[in-house]
C-alpha atoms as a PDB file:
ATOM      1  CA  UNK A   1       0.000   0.000   0.000  1.00  0.00           C
ATOM      2  CA  UNK A   2       2.866   2.391   0.780  1.00  0.00           C
ATOM      3  CA  UNK A   3       4.204   1.896  -2.751  1.00  0.00           C
ATOM      4  CA  UNK A   4       0.784   2.786  -4.168  1.00  0.00           C
ATOM      5  CA  UNK A   5       0.722   5.947  -2.079  1.00  0.00           C
ATOM      6  CA  UNK A   6       4.184   6.901  -3.293  1.00  0.00           C
ATOM      7  CA  UNK A   7       3.223   6.278  -6.929  1.00  0.00           C
ATOM      8  CA  UNK A   8       0.204   8.540  -6.542  1.00  0.00           C
ATOM      9  CA  UNK A   9       2.414  11.253  -5.062  1.00  0.00           C
ATOM     10  CA  UNK A  10       4.998  10.883  -7.825  1.00  0.00           C
ATOM     11  CA  UNK A  11       2.232  11.361 -10.372  1.00  0.00           C
ATOM     12  CA  UNK A  12       1.116  14.541  -8.601  1.00  0.00           C
ATOM     13  CA  UNK A  13      -2.087  13.022  -7.204  1.00  0.00           C
ATOM     14  CA  UNK A  14      -1.421  14.337  -3.711  1.00  0.00           C
ATOM     15  CA  UNK A  15      -5.030  14.308  -2.488  1.00  0.00           C
ATOM     16  CA  UNK A  16      -5.425  10.625  -3.367  1.00  0.00           C
ATOM     17  CA  UNK A  17      -2.017   9.881  -1.870  1.00  0.00           C
ATOM     18  CA  UNK A  18      -3.034  11.576   1.387  1.00  0.00           C
ATOM     19  CA  UNK A  19      -6.206   9.462   1.522  1.00  0.00           C
ATOM     20  CA  UNK A  20      -4.096   6.339   1.015  1.00  0.00           C
ATOM     21  CA  UNK A  21      -1.717   7.386   3.787  1.00  0.00           C
ATOM     22  CA  UNK A  22      -4.645   7.882   6.150  1.00  0.00           C
ATOM     23  CA  UNK A  23      -5.829   4.333   5.357  1.00  0.00           C
ATOM     24  CA  UNK A  24      -2.331   3.052   6.142  1.00  0.00           C
ATOM     25  CA  UNK A  25      -2.573   4.561   9.640  1.00  0.00           C
ATOM     26  CA  UNK A  26      -5.737   2.575  10.252  1.00  0.00           C
ATOM     27  CA  UNK A  27      -4.095  -0.644   9.071  1.00  0.00           C
ATOM     28  CA  UNK A  28      -1.019  -0.069  11.209  1.00  0.00           C
ATOM     29  CA  UNK A  29      -3.175   0.521  14.268  1.00  0.00           C
ATOM     30  CA  UNK A  30      -5.111  -2.711  13.609  1.00  0.00           C
ATOM     31  CA  UNK A  31      -1.947  -4.716  12.937  1.00  0.00           C
ATOM     32  CA  UNK A  32      -0.101  -3.004  15.827  1.00  0.00           C
ATOM     33  CA  UNK A  33       2.918  -2.144  13.696  1.00  0.00           C
ATOM     34  CA  UNK A  34       3.588   1.070  15.590  1.00  0.00           C
ATOM     35  CA  UNK A  35       7.364   0.955  15.092  1.00  0.00           C
ATOM     36  CA  UNK A  36       6.725   2.303  11.574  1.00  0.00           C
ATOM     37  CA  UNK A  37       4.614   5.263  12.653  1.00  0.00           C
ATOM     38  CA  UNK A  38       7.343   7.929  12.429  1.00  0.00           C
ATOM     39  CA  UNK A  39       8.124   6.993   8.819  1.00  0.00           C
ATOM     40  CA  UNK A  40       4.462   7.015   7.874  1.00  0.00           C
ATOM     41  CA  UNK A  41       3.857  10.311   9.641  1.00  0.00           C
ATOM     42  CA  UNK A  42       6.744  11.762   7.700  1.00  0.00           C
ATOM     43  CA  UNK A  43       5.257  10.489   4.442  1.00  0.00           C
ATOM     44  CA  UNK A  44       1.864  11.967   5.328  1.00  0.00           C
ATOM     45  CA  UNK A  45       3.461  15.276   6.318  1.00  0.00           C
ATOM     46  CA  UNK A  46       5.255  15.505   2.987  1.00  0.00           C
ATOM     47  CA  UNK A  47       2.088  14.614   1.093  1.00  0.00           C
ATOM     48  CA  UNK A  48       0.045  17.233   2.917  1.00  0.00           C
ATOM     49  CA  UNK A  49       2.786  19.783   2.299  1.00  0.00           C
ATOM     50  CA  UNK A  50       2.767  19.116  -1.437  1.00  0.00           C
ATOM     51  CA  UNK A  51      -1.032  19.077  -1.467  1.00  0.00           C
ATOM     52  CA  UNK A  52      -0.912  22.592  -0.004  1.00  0.00           C
ATOM     53  CA  UNK A  53      -2.330  21.739   3.424  1.00  0.00           C
ATOM     54  CA  UNK A  54       0.318  23.333   5.631  1.00  0.00           C
ATOM     55  CA  UNK A  55      -1.620  22.850   8.861  1.00  0.00           C
ATOM     56  CA  UNK A  56      -1.822  19.079   8.357  1.00  0.00           C
ATOM     57  CA  UNK A  57       1.812  19.007   7.190  1.00  0.00           C
ATOM     58  CA  UNK A  58       2.813  20.679  10.455  1.00  0.00           C
ATOM     59  CA  UNK A  59       0.630  18.312  12.474  1.00  0.00           C
ATOM     60  CA  UNK A  60       2.277  15.237  10.979  1.00  0.00           C
ATOM     61  CA  UNK A  61       5.777  16.712  11.162  1.00  0.00           C
ATOM     62  CA  UNK A  62       5.258  17.311  14.882  1.00  0.00           C
ATOM     63  CA  UNK A  63       4.099  13.689  15.201  1.00  0.00           C
ATOM     64  CA  UNK A  64       7.327  12.515  13.525  1.00  0.00           C
ATOM     65  CA  UNK A  65       9.360  14.462  16.048  1.00  0.00           C
ATOM     66  CA  UNK A  66       7.243  13.196  18.941  1.00  0.00           C
ATOM     67  CA  UNK A  67       7.621   9.574  17.829  1.00  0.00           C
ATOM     68  CA  UNK A  68      11.352   9.980  17.237  1.00  0.00           C
ATOM     69  CA  UNK A  69      11.955  11.602  20.611  1.00  0.00           C
ATOM     70  CA  UNK A  70       9.596   9.232  22.420  1.00  0.00           C
ATOM     71  CA  UNK A  71      10.939   5.998  21.012  1.00  0.00           C
ATOM     72  CA  UNK A  72      14.393   7.169  20.066  1.00  0.00           C
ATOM     73  CA  UNK A  73      16.277   6.948  16.842  1.00  0.00           C
ATOM     74  CA  UNK A  74      19.747   5.635  17.576  1.00  0.00           C
ATOM     75  CA  UNK A  75      23.098   7.148  16.717  1.00  0.00           C
ATOM     76  CA  UNK A  76      24.097  10.024  14.498  1.00  0.00           C
ATOM     77  CA  UNK A  77      21.265   9.218  12.087  1.00  0.00           C
ATOM     78  CA  UNK A  78      18.782   9.852  14.874  1.00  0.00           C
ATOM     79  CA  UNK A  79      20.331  13.205  15.764  1.00  0.00           C
ATOM     80  CA  UNK A  80      20.396  14.207  12.090  1.00  0.00           C
ATOM     81  CA  UNK A  81      16.778  13.137  11.680  1.00  0.00           C
ATOM     82  CA  UNK A  82      15.668  15.242  14.664  1.00  0.00           C
ATOM     83  CA  UNK A  83      17.649  18.218  13.414  1.00  0.00           C
ATOM     84  CA  UNK A  84      16.072  17.844   9.967  1.00  0.00           C
ATOM     85  CA  UNK A  85      12.579  17.636  11.488  1.00  0.00           C
ATOM     86  CA  UNK A  86      13.230  20.762  13.560  1.00  0.00           C
ATOM     87  CA  UNK A  87      14.132  22.589  10.344  1.00  0.00           C
ATOM     88  CA  UNK A  88      11.087  21.206   8.525  1.00  0.00           C
ATOM     89  CA  UNK A  89       8.812  22.304  11.372  1.00  0.00           C
ATOM     90  CA  UNK A  90      10.329  25.805  11.405  1.00  0.00           C
ATOM     91  CA  UNK A  91       9.899  26.059   7.634  1.00  0.00           C
ATOM     92  CA  UNK A  92       6.259  25.011   7.736  1.00  0.00           C
ATOM     93  CA  UNK A  93       5.531  27.361  10.640  1.00  0.00           C
ATOM     94  CA  UNK A  94       7.146  30.227   8.715  1.00  0.00           C
ATOM     95  CA  UNK A  95       5.159  29.404   5.582  1.00  0.00           C
ATOM     96  CA  UNK A  96       1.944  29.159   7.611  1.00  0.00           C
ATOM     97  CA  UNK A  97       2.664  32.592   9.076  1.00  0.00           C
ATOM     98  CA  UNK A  98       3.281  34.015   5.608  1.00  0.00           C
ATOM     99  CA  UNK A  99       0.093  32.373   4.320  1.00  0.00           C
ATOM    100  CA  UNK A 100      -2.001  33.798   7.167  1.00  0.00           C
ATOM    101  CA  UNK A 101      -0.446  37.232   6.671  1.00  0.00           C
ATOM    102  CA  UNK A 102      -1.278  37.126   2.951  1.00  0.00           C
ATOM    103  CA  UNK A 103      -4.851  36.023   3.725  1.00  0.00           C
ATOM    104  CA  UNK A 104      -5.236  38.894   6.211  1.00  0.00           C
ATOM    105  CA  UNK A 105      -3.896  41.395   3.678  1.00  0.00           C
ATOM    106  CA  UNK A 106      -6.320  40.057   1.059  1.00  0.00           C
ATOM    107  CA  UNK A 107      -9.211  40.345   3.523  1.00  0.00           C
ATOM    108  CA  UNK A 108      -8.272  43.956   4.340  1.00  0.00           C
ATOM    109  CA  UNK A 109      -7.951  44.740   0.637  1.00  0.00           C
ATOM    110  CA  UNK A 110     -11.458  43.410  -0.042  1.00  0.00           C
ATOM    111  CA  UNK A 111     -12.875  45.338   2.912  1.00  0.00           C
ATOM    112  CA  UNK A 112     -11.279  48.532   1.556  1.00  0.00           C
ATOM    113  CA  UNK A 113     -12.706  47.867  -1.905  1.00  0.00           C
ATOM    114  CA  UNK A 114     -16.197  47.442  -0.431  1.00  0.00           C
ATOM    115  CA  UNK A 115     -15.797  50.616   1.619  1.00  0.00           C
ATOM    116  CA  UNK A 116     -14.532  52.516  -1.431  1.00  0.00           C
ATOM    117  CA  UNK A 117     -17.506  51.269  -3.488  1.00  0.00           C
ATOM    118  CA  UNK A 118     -19.921  52.445  -0.793  1.00  0.00           C
ATOM    119  CA  UNK A 119     -18.200  55.836  -0.668  1.00  0.00           C
ATOM    120  CA  UNK A 120     -18.462  56.100  -4.454  1.00  0.00           C
ATOM    121  CA  UNK A 121     -22.176  55.201  -4.325  1.00  0.00           C
ATOM    122  CA  UNK A 122     -22.699  57.832  -1.632  1.00  0.00           C
ATOM    123  CA  UNK A 123     -20.924  60.472  -3.745  1.00  0.00           C
ATOM    124  CA  UNK A 124     -23.045  59.600  -6.771  1.00  0.00           C
ATOM    125  CA  UNK A 125     -26.255  59.772  -4.727  1.00  0.00           C
ATOM    126  CA  UNK A 126     -25.310  63.207  -3.398  1.00  0.00           C
ATOM    127  CA  UNK A 127     -24.454  64.435  -6.906  1.00  0.00           C
ATOM    128  CA  UNK A 128     -27.937  63.363  -8.014  1.00  0.00           C
ATOM    129  CA  UNK A 129     -29.379  65.283  -5.063  1.00  0.00           C
ATOM    130  CA  UNK A 130     -30.469  62.125  -3.260  1.00  0.00           C
ATOM    131  CA  UNK A 131     -29.992  61.271   0.369  1.00  0.00           C
ATOM    132  CA  UNK A 132     -27.435  58.412   0.604  1.00  0.00           C
ATOM    133  CA  UNK A 133     -28.921  54.982   1.408  1.00  0.00           C
ATOM    134  CA  UNK A 134     -26.702  54.518   4.449  1.00  0.00           C
ATOM    135  CA  UNK A 135     -27.893  57.799   5.956  1.00  0.00           C
ATOM    136  CA  UNK A 136     -31.518  56.839   5.273  1.00  0.00           C
ATOM    137  CA  UNK A 137     -30.989  53.460   6.927  1.00  0.00           C
ATOM    138  CA  UNK A 138     -29.316  55.063   9.954  1.00  0.00           C
ATOM    139  CA  UNK A 139     -32.151  57.571  10.324  1.00  0.00           C
ATOM    140  CA  UNK A 140     -34.715  54.762  10.068  1.00  0.00           C
ATOM    141  CA  UNK A 141     -32.944  52.712  12.756  1.00  0.00           C
ATOM    142  CA  UNK A 142     -32.745  55.737  15.047  1.00  0.00           C
ATOM    143  CA  UNK A 143     -36.438  56.434  14.489  1.00  0.00           C
ATOM    144  CA  UNK A 144     -37.339  52.786  15.143  1.00  0.00           C
ATOM    145  CA  UNK A 145     -35.315  52.768  18.376  1.00  0.00           C
ATOM    146  CA  UNK A 146     -37.004  55.952  19.574  1.00  0.00           C
ATOM    147  CA  UNK A 147     -40.431  54.493  18.867  1.00  0.00           C
ATOM    148  CA  UNK A 148     -39.568  51.356  20.856  1.00  0.00           C
ATOM    149  CA  UNK A 149     -38.519  53.449  23.885  1.00  0.00           C
END
């Protein structure tokens, strides 16, 4: 099954590969082959990364580190592996931060566009000698609140 998952990933079918990796976790739990979990978590983390799901990539990368620290990876290879995972985790965290910053900037940009459109509509209404809709709505709400009191 792991070979099938890898073939899917090599062909760029990351979503299908991720689904296959998730099935492997179920099989490993049933078969109690937990000594392979760190390797499978690493595979899943890489798949999620390439599929563009940075949050899941981080989740599985942290699991790799947890498994490696918890059960130990002997010798210099183990130290190198932990060092590599620390760097991977830092990279993903940085990319997640950049992604969230870009999303926030996009949200602010859209809010500004909406505000600018409303301001333009208000200007046009005033030029036509009309009372702007927002002012009408505000006056109506104020009137409604006074009537309720």
